[in-house]
Protein backbone atom coordinates (compact mmCIF):
# COMPACT_ATOMS: atom_id res chain seq x y z
CA UNK A 1 0.00 0.00 0.00
CA UNK A 2 1.17 3.54 -0.75
CA UNK A 3 0.87 6.65 1.44
CA UNK A 4 1.61 10.32 1.04
CA UNK A 5 3.88 10.16 4.10
CA UNK A 6 5.25 7.50 6.41
CA UNK A 7 6.40 8.72 9.83
CA UNK A 8 8.83 6.43 11.65
CA UNK A 9 8.70 6.69 15.45
CA UNK A 10 5.62 7.06 17.67
CA UNK A 11 7.08 9.15 20.50
CA UNK A 12 6.14 12.77 20.99
CA UNK A 13 7.91 13.90 17.79
CA UNK A 14 6.37 11.31 15.49
CA UNK A 15 2.93 11.45 17.10
CA UNK A 16 2.76 15.24 16.84
CA UNK A 17 3.97 15.20 13.24
CA UNK A 18 1.61 12.39 12.25
CA UNK A 19 -1.33 14.33 13.69
CA UNK A 20 -0.41 17.60 11.98
CA UNK A 21 0.04 15.84 8.63
CA UNK A 22 -3.32 14.07 8.95
CA UNK A 23 -4.89 17.37 9.97
CA UNK A 24 -3.85 18.75 6.56
CA UNK A 25 -5.59 15.89 4.77
CA UNK A 26 -2.38 13.97 4.09
CA UNK A 27 -2.62 10.18 3.94
CA UNK A 28 -0.14 9.33 6.68
CA UNK A 29 1.11 6.10 8.26
CA UNK A 30 2.74 6.32 11.70
CA UNK A 31 4.97 3.34 12.59
CA UNK A 32 6.11 2.66 16.16
CA UNK A 33 8.27 -0.26 17.24
CA UNK A 34 6.70 -0.94 20.66
CA UNK A 35 3.06 -1.29 21.80
CA UNK A 36 4.00 0.68 24.93
CA UNK A 37 6.33 3.60 24.38
CA UNK A 38 9.91 3.26 25.55
CA UNK A 39 12.88 5.55 25.39
CA UNK A 40 13.11 9.31 25.66
CA UNK A 41 9.37 10.08 25.56
CA UNK A 42 8.55 7.48 28.20
CA UNK A 43 11.25 8.81 30.55
CA UNK A 44 10.89 12.50 29.78
CA UNK A 45 10.34 15.07 32.53
CA UNK A 46 7.63 16.61 30.34
CA UNK A 47 8.99 20.11 30.88
CA UNK A 48 8.00 22.96 28.56
CA UNK A 49 10.80 25.53 28.85
CA UNK A 50 9.12 28.27 26.85
CA UNK A 51 11.39 30.88 28.43
CA UNK A 52 14.49 29.32 26.85
CA UNK A 53 14.57 30.99 23.42
CA UNK A 54 17.85 32.84 22.81
CA UNK A 55 17.47 33.72 19.11
CA UNK A 56 14.65 35.09 16.97
CA UNK A 57 14.07 31.57 15.66
CA UNK A 58 13.88 29.84 19.04
CA UNK A 59 11.96 32.67 20.70
CA UNK A 60 9.36 32.47 17.92
CA UNK A 61 9.03 28.72 18.35
CA UNK A 62 8.88 28.93 22.16
CA UNK A 63 6.03 31.45 21.98
CA UNK A 64 4.17 29.28 19.47
CA UNK A 65 4.85 26.14 21.51
CA UNK A 66 3.32 27.34 24.76
CA UNK A 67 0.34 28.82 22.89
CA UNK A 68 -0.33 25.43 21.25
CA UNK A 69 0.02 23.52 24.53
CA UNK A 70 -2.50 25.77 26.28
CA UNK A 71 -5.26 24.77 23.86
CA UNK A 72 -4.02 21.33 22.82
CA UNK A 73 -6.20 19.17 25.13
CA UNK A 74 -9.31 20.80 23.67
CA UNK A 75 -8.02 20.45 20.11
CA UNK A 76 -7.04 16.81 20.53
CA UNK A 77 -10.12 16.01 22.64
CA UNK A 78 -7.92 14.19 25.17
CA UNK A 79 -5.95 15.10 28.30
CA UNK A 80 -2.25 15.91 28.04
CA UNK A 81 -2.01 16.82 31.77
CA UNK A 82 -0.84 20.29 30.79
CA UNK A 83 -0.24 22.61 33.71
CA UNK A 84 1.76 25.75 34.31
CA UNK A 85 4.31 25.46 37.10
CA UNK A 86 7.16 27.55 38.41
CA UNK A 87 10.74 26.41 37.84
CA UNK A 88 12.96 26.98 40.87
CA UNK A 89 16.75 26.72 40.67
CA UNK A 90 18.43 26.90 44.08
CA UNK A 91 21.93 28.40 44.14
CA UNK A 92 24.36 26.57 46.44
CA UNK A 93 26.77 28.48 48.72
CA UNK A 94 29.76 27.58 46.54
CA UNK A 95 28.10 29.02 43.39
CA UNK A 96 28.47 32.62 42.23
CA UNK A 97 25.20 34.39 41.45
CA UNK A 98 26.57 36.92 38.95
CA UNK A 99 27.87 34.51 36.27
CA UNK A 100 24.78 32.35 36.68
CA UNK A 101 22.54 35.35 35.99
CA UNK A 102 24.73 36.32 33.05
CA UNK A 103 24.19 32.87 31.50
CA UNK A 104 20.45 33.65 31.29
CA UNK A 105 20.89 37.14 29.82
CA UNK A 106 20.09 36.06 26.26
CA UNK A 107 16.74 34.44 27.04
CA UNK A 108 13.45 36.10 26.17
CA UNK A 109 12.23 35.74 29.77
CA UNK A 110 14.61 36.63 32.58
CA UNK A 111 14.68 34.78 35.91
CA UNK A 112 13.63 36.38 39.17
CA UNK A 113 16.13 36.20 42.05
CA UNK A 114 14.59 34.91 45.29
CA UNK A 115 15.93 34.83 48.82
CA UNK A 116 16.23 31.37 50.37
CA UNK A 117 13.19 32.13 52.54
CA UNK A 118 11.08 33.17 49.53
CA UNK A 119 12.18 30.07 47.62
CA UNK A 120 11.27 27.77 50.48
CA UNK A 121 7.91 29.49 50.86
CA UNK A 122 7.18 28.64 47.22
CA UNK A 123 8.66 25.14 47.55
CA UNK A 124 8.56 23.90 51.17
CA UNK A 125 10.54 20.76 50.32
CA UNK A 126 13.66 22.81 49.49
CA UNK A 127 16.38 22.72 52.15
CA UNK A 128 16.87 26.26 53.44
CA UNK A 129 20.53 25.85 54.43
CA UNK A 130 21.55 24.47 51.03
CA UNK A 131 21.05 27.71 49.10
CA UNK A 132 22.08 31.34 49.24
CA UNK A 133 19.42 32.36 46.68
CA UNK A 134 17.26 30.83 43.97
CA UNK A 135 16.26 31.67 40.43
CA UNK A 136 12.60 31.43 39.41
CA UNK A 137 11.16 31.16 35.91
CA UNK A 138 7.69 30.46 34.49
CA UNK A 139 7.53 26.90 33.21
CA UNK A 140 4.95 24.31 32.15
CA UNK A 141 4.60 20.56 31.96
CA UNK A 142 2.68 17.80 30.21
CA UNK A 143 2.70 14.07 30.74
CA UNK A 144 4.77 13.11 27.65
CA UNK A 145 3.25 9.65 27.16
CA UNK A 146 -0.32 10.92 27.52
CA UNK A 147 0.41 13.82 25.19
CA UNK A 148 1.77 11.37 22.61
CA UNK A 149 -1.28 9.15 22.98
CA UNK A 150 -3.57 12.16 22.56
CA UNK A 151 -1.79 13.21 19.37
CA UNK A 152 -1.90 9.67 18.00
CA UNK A 153 -5.61 9.14 18.73
CA UNK A 154 -6.46 12.47 17.11
CA UNK A 155 -4.37 11.50 14.06
CA UNK A 156 -6.35 8.26 13.64
CA UNK A 157 -9.65 10.13 13.96
CA UNK A 158 -8.51 12.40 11.13
CA UNK A 159 -7.81 9.45 8.84
CA UNK A 160 -4.23 8.54 9.71
CA UNK A 161 -3.06 4.95 10.21
CA UNK A 162 -1.07 3.64 13.17
CA UNK A 163 1.04 0.48 12.92
CA UNK A 164 3.20 -1.40 15.46
CA UNK A 165 6.24 -2.81 13.65
CA UNK A 166 10.01 -2.64 13.68
CA UNK A 167 11.44 -0.80 10.68
CA UNK A 168 14.30 -2.75 9.12
CA UNK A 169 15.41 -0.30 6.44
CA UNK A 170 14.47 2.55 4.13
CA UNK A 171 14.89 2.18 0.37
CA UNK A 172 14.73 5.15 -1.99
CA UNK A 173 14.33 4.95 -5.76
CA UNK A 174 13.09 7.09 -8.61
CA UNK A 175 9.45 6.52 -7.75
CA UNK A 176 9.60 7.60 -4.12
CA UNK A 177 10.69 5.73 -1.04
CA UNK A 178 9.86 2.42 0.61
CA UNK A 179 9.96 1.34 4.24
CA UNK A 180 10.58 -2.33 4.97
CA UNK A 181 8.96 -3.20 8.31
CA UNK A 182 8.34 -6.70 9.68
CA UNK A 183 8.83 -8.18 6.20
CA UNK A 184 6.30 -5.84 4.59
CA UNK A 185 7.22 -3.17 2.04
CA UNK A 186 5.32 0.09 2.47
CA UNK A 187 5.65 2.87 -0.10
CA UNK A 188 5.23 6.62 0.23
CA UNK A 189 6.04 9.86 -1.54
CA UNK A 190 8.03 10.88 1.55
CA UNK A 191 9.34 9.20 4.68
CA UNK A 192 9.98 11.27 7.81
CA UNK A 193 12.31 9.72 10.38
CA UNK A 194 11.32 10.65 13.95
CA UNK A 195 13.21 7.83 15.64
CA UNK A 196 15.22 10.03 18.00
CA UNK A 197 18.53 8.49 19.02
CA UNK A 198 17.90 5.49 16.74
CA UNK A 199 17.68 7.71 13.64
CA UNK A 200 21.41 7.68 12.98
CA UNK A 201 21.61 3.89 13.23
CA UNK A 202 18.53 3.35 11.06
CA UNK A 203 19.73 5.66 8.32
CA UNK A 204 23.25 4.24 8.43
CA UNK A 205 21.76 0.80 7.73
CA UNK A 206 20.18 2.38 4.65
CA UNK A 207 23.52 3.84 3.54
CA UNK A 208 22.84 7.41 4.67
CA UNK A 209 25.27 9.31 6.90
CA UNK A 210 23.74 11.59 9.51
CA UNK A 211 25.28 14.20 11.78
CA UNK A 212 23.07 13.44 14.75
CA UNK A 213 24.26 12.05 18.07
CA UNK A 214 22.85 10.78 21.36
CA UNK A 215 23.50 10.93 25.07
CA UNK A 216 22.38 8.55 27.78
CA UNK A 217 20.00 10.04 30.36
CA UNK A 218 19.71 8.21 33.69
CA UNK A 219 16.98 9.00 36.21
CA UNK A 220 14.96 7.44 39.03
CA UNK A 221 11.18 7.12 38.97
CA UNK A 222 9.53 7.25 42.40
CA UNK A 223 5.90 6.10 42.84
CA UNK A 224 3.38 8.36 44.63
CA UNK A 225 4.39 8.74 48.27
CA UNK A 226 2.13 11.46 49.61
CA UNK A 227 4.80 14.14 49.24
CA UNK A 228 3.77 17.05 47.08
CA UNK A 229 6.31 19.00 45.02
CA UNK A 230 4.73 22.35 44.22
CA UNK A 231 7.29 23.39 41.60
CA UNK A 232 9.84 21.93 39.22
CA UNK A 233 13.29 22.02 40.83
CA UNK A 234 16.48 22.00 38.77
CA UNK A 235 20.10 23.05 39.18
CA UNK A 236 20.71 26.55 37.74
CA UNK A 237 23.59 25.47 35.49
CA UNK A 238 22.64 22.86 32.88
CA UNK A 239 25.83 20.87 32.23
CA UNK A 240 24.35 18.54 29.60
CA UNK A 241 24.74 21.04 26.77
CA UNK A 242 28.48 21.40 27.40
CA UNK A 243 28.84 17.61 27.55
CA UNK A 244 27.08 17.24 24.21
CA UNK A 245 29.13 20.02 22.61
CA UNK A 246 32.36 18.29 23.63
CA UNK A 247 31.18 15.00 22.12
CA UNK A 248 29.90 16.28 18.77
CA UNK A 249 32.82 18.16 17.25
CA UNK A 250 33.65 17.49 13.61
CA UNK A 251 36.88 15.79 14.67
CA UNK A 252 34.99 13.23 16.76
CA UNK A 253 32.35 12.47 14.12
CA UNK A 254 34.04 9.24 12.90
CA UNK A 255 33.90 7.85 16.46
CA UNK A 256 30.11 7.79 16.30
CA UNK A 257 30.27 5.04 13.68
CA UNK A 258 32.19 2.82 16.13
CA UNK A 259 31.03 1.27 19.39
CA UNK A 260 32.66 1.73 22.76
CA UNK A 261 33.79 5.37 22.79
CA UNK A 262 32.96 7.61 25.76
CA UNK A 263 33.56 11.03 24.25
CA UNK A 264 33.17 13.25 27.32
CA UNK A 265 33.04 12.67 31.09
CA UNK A 266 29.55 12.02 32.54
CA UNK A 267 27.77 14.86 34.34
CA UNK A 268 24.93 15.24 36.83
CA UNK A 269 22.15 17.82 36.44
CA UNK A 270 20.35 17.41 39.76
CA UNK A 271 16.61 18.03 39.78
CA UNK A 272 13.12 16.69 40.42
CA UNK A 273 9.68 16.87 38.80
CA UNK A 274 6.32 15.45 39.77
CA UNK A 275 3.44 14.43 37.54
CA UNK A 276 -0.24 14.93 38.28
CA UNK A 277 -0.63 11.39 39.65
CA UNK A 278 2.07 12.01 42.27
CA UNK A 279 4.86 10.11 40.48
CA UNK A 280 8.25 11.76 40.93
CA UNK A 281 11.21 11.67 38.56
CA UNK A 282 14.64 12.63 39.85
CA UNK A 283 17.95 12.81 38.05
CA UNK A 284 19.72 13.07 35.85
CA UNK A 285 23.09 11.72 34.81
CA UNK A 286 24.09 12.28 31.17
CA UNK A 287 26.75 10.30 29.30
CA UNK A 288 27.97 10.31 25.71
CA UNK A 289 28.81 6.73 24.77
CA UNK A 290 28.75 5.74 21.10
CA UNK A 291 27.21 2.30 21.78
CA UNK A 292 23.41 2.44 21.51
CA UNK A 293 22.94 -0.30 24.16
CA UNK A 294 26.01 0.30 26.34
CA UNK A 295 26.20 -1.45 29.74
CA UNK A 296 25.67 1.02 32.60
CA UNK A 297 25.99 0.83 36.39
CA UNK A 298 22.48 1.23 37.86
CA UNK A 299 23.59 0.93 41.50
CA UNK A 300 26.39 3.45 41.19
CA UNK A 301 24.30 5.84 39.11
CA UNK A 302 21.41 5.72 41.54
CA UNK A 303 23.71 6.64 44.40
CA UNK A 304 25.15 9.58 42.45
CA UNK A 305 21.67 10.91 41.65
CA UNK A 306 20.46 10.58 45.24
CA UNK A 307 23.59 12.19 46.67
CA UNK A 308 23.28 15.10 44.25
CA UNK A 309 19.65 15.70 45.17
CA UNK A 310 19.99 15.21 48.92
CA UNK A 311 21.29 18.70 49.73
CA UNK A 312 18.57 20.27 47.60
CA UNK A 313 15.49 18.13 48.37
CA UNK A 314 16.34 15.85 51.33
CA UNK A 315 12.76 14.62 51.80
CA UNK A 316 12.71 13.19 48.27
CA UNK A 317 16.28 12.01 47.76
CA UNK A 318 15.97 8.67 49.58
CA UNK A 319 12.44 7.64 48.61
CA UNK A 320 12.43 4.16 47.01
CA UNK A 321 12.22 4.15 43.25
CA UNK A 322 13.36 2.52 40.02
CA UNK A 323 16.46 3.51 38.04
CA UNK A 324 15.90 4.06 34.33
CA UNK A 325 18.07 4.96 31.36
CA UNK A 326 17.32 6.02 27.81
CA UNK A 327 19.14 7.65 24.92
CA UNK A 328 18.37 11.19 23.80
CA UNK A 329 19.15 12.61 20.36
CA UNK A 330 20.93 15.91 19.85
CA UNK A 331 22.71 17.87 17.13
CA UNK A 332 25.98 19.76 17.07
CA UNK A 333 24.34 23.17 17.58
CA UNK A 334 21.48 21.99 19.88
CA UNK A 335 18.87 22.86 17.24
CA UNK A 336 16.65 20.12 15.79
CA UNK A 337 17.20 18.54 12.40
CA UNK A 338 14.09 19.19 10.31
CA UNK A 339 13.82 18.67 6.57
CA UNK A 340 15.14 16.59 3.68
CA UNK A 341 18.37 14.63 4.07
CA UNK A 342 20.87 15.66 1.46
CA UNK A 343 21.23 12.20 -0.10
CA UNK A 344 17.56 11.92 -1.01
CA UNK A 345 14.86 14.59 -0.90
CA UNK A 346 12.14 11.97 -0.36
CA UNK A 347 13.65 11.10 3.06
CA UNK A 348 13.19 13.73 5.74
CA UNK A 349 14.34 14.02 9.32
CA UNK A 350 12.38 15.38 12.29
CA UNK A 351 14.65 14.68 15.22
CA UNK A 352 17.43 15.93 17.51
CA UNK A 353 15.28 18.09 19.80
CA UNK A 354 17.14 19.33 22.88
CA UNK A 355 13.98 21.11 24.13
CA UNK A 356 11.35 18.84 22.56
CA UNK A 357 8.13 19.55 24.44
CA UNK A 358 8.15 23.23 23.50
CA UNK A 359 9.63 22.95 19.99
CA UNK A 360 7.93 19.85 18.58
CA UNK A 361 4.31 21.15 18.43
CA UNK A 362 5.03 24.34 16.43
CA UNK A 363 7.57 22.67 14.16
CA UNK A 364 5.24 19.74 13.45
CA UNK A 365 2.57 22.25 12.43
CA UNK A 366 4.97 24.24 10.25
CA UNK A 367 6.34 21.04 8.65
CA UNK A 368 2.83 19.86 7.75
CA UNK A 369 1.95 23.21 6.19
CA UNK A 370 5.15 23.13 4.15
CA UNK A 371 4.28 19.57 3.08
CA UNK A 372 1.06 20.83 1.46
CA UNK A 373 2.79 23.68 -0.35
CA UNK A 374 3.16 26.58 2.07
CA UNK A 375 6.91 27.36 2.09
CA UNK A 376 8.33 28.28 5.48
CA UNK A 377 11.67 30.13 5.57
CA UNK A 378 12.07 29.31 9.27
CA UNK A 379 12.48 25.60 8.48
CA UNK A 380 15.45 26.32 6.22
CA UNK A 381 17.58 27.19 9.25
CA UNK A 382 16.93 23.74 10.73
CA UNK A 383 17.83 21.72 7.64
CA UNK A 384 19.97 18.60 8.30
CA UNK A 385 22.10 19.82 5.41
CA UNK A 386 23.39 22.82 7.40
CA UNK A 387 26.38 20.80 8.66
CA UNK A 388 27.58 19.68 5.21
């Protein structure tokens, strides 16, 4: 059977894109490998950092993203568990406030500086003696799995097709492109790869080189305990972006086609979020290892996460929970890869989102409009071909 578009990957990126394509009347097939989502969407914090735009492009998308989220449950006719929460970032005694504030100077929304007492009033679980101040920013959150399910159900209601199957390879020819999944060949005018960290591996199997990378994210999920976190709490300095920059230089690119390389030392970005059902997620450790299924140390990692959180949120740090790890896609400049891959214009990429929950909804909408003939100059700046 032939489709206008086949979307590979049913996480938040693929589900949002599949819905937006179907909403434009496009005959779309969405393929997901697992009946129950795994990976980055399943283990996401669900945060919507709409304050985090530093350029005209990202500020435009952040504004569009939060506007879409605010009306999305009504549009999709399903709950996404969207809610607006404050983000608090406690500053430890050994940290210097001035350079931390300077690191936020380029963002569209500037943080408010709170005294330790004001921060603890807003978040009673914060340890008063562990901070000399705190930064506060407006933030929002969805449940990433429920948001993906809502997008997918709405896509099907609008005529899209959803299929559970593992994609083996993509084959392009003069008549379009074919996806081989579970022994079946499915044809389309265009294929859009939304497979996150697996995108590079999948396309390499099809003979296509891709400048996209992945980091491991390790966290602990804690079942409802009766404790209520009023805000989202994160460290003020996000170390993951520096780790990813170190591991994705042009010189290191050949290492990503070989297993077993750890390209930068692991880091900890301590923090905690809570979902509407009371489930907590704390973390996270990030690692850049070029093996997609690298062996990790759950016991050691769990101890590192709990130790890092204990000074900040002592009531939460030792609650029993389950260690998890997933891989998260990123690009060399921390912007997503959206558009045709240079080797074949019938194969597109929609992946590499470092701030997915805020950027995916507006970019999925813009991509779908471009698909039906409404050119969008903003998408040109996100082309996967920008690194060639």
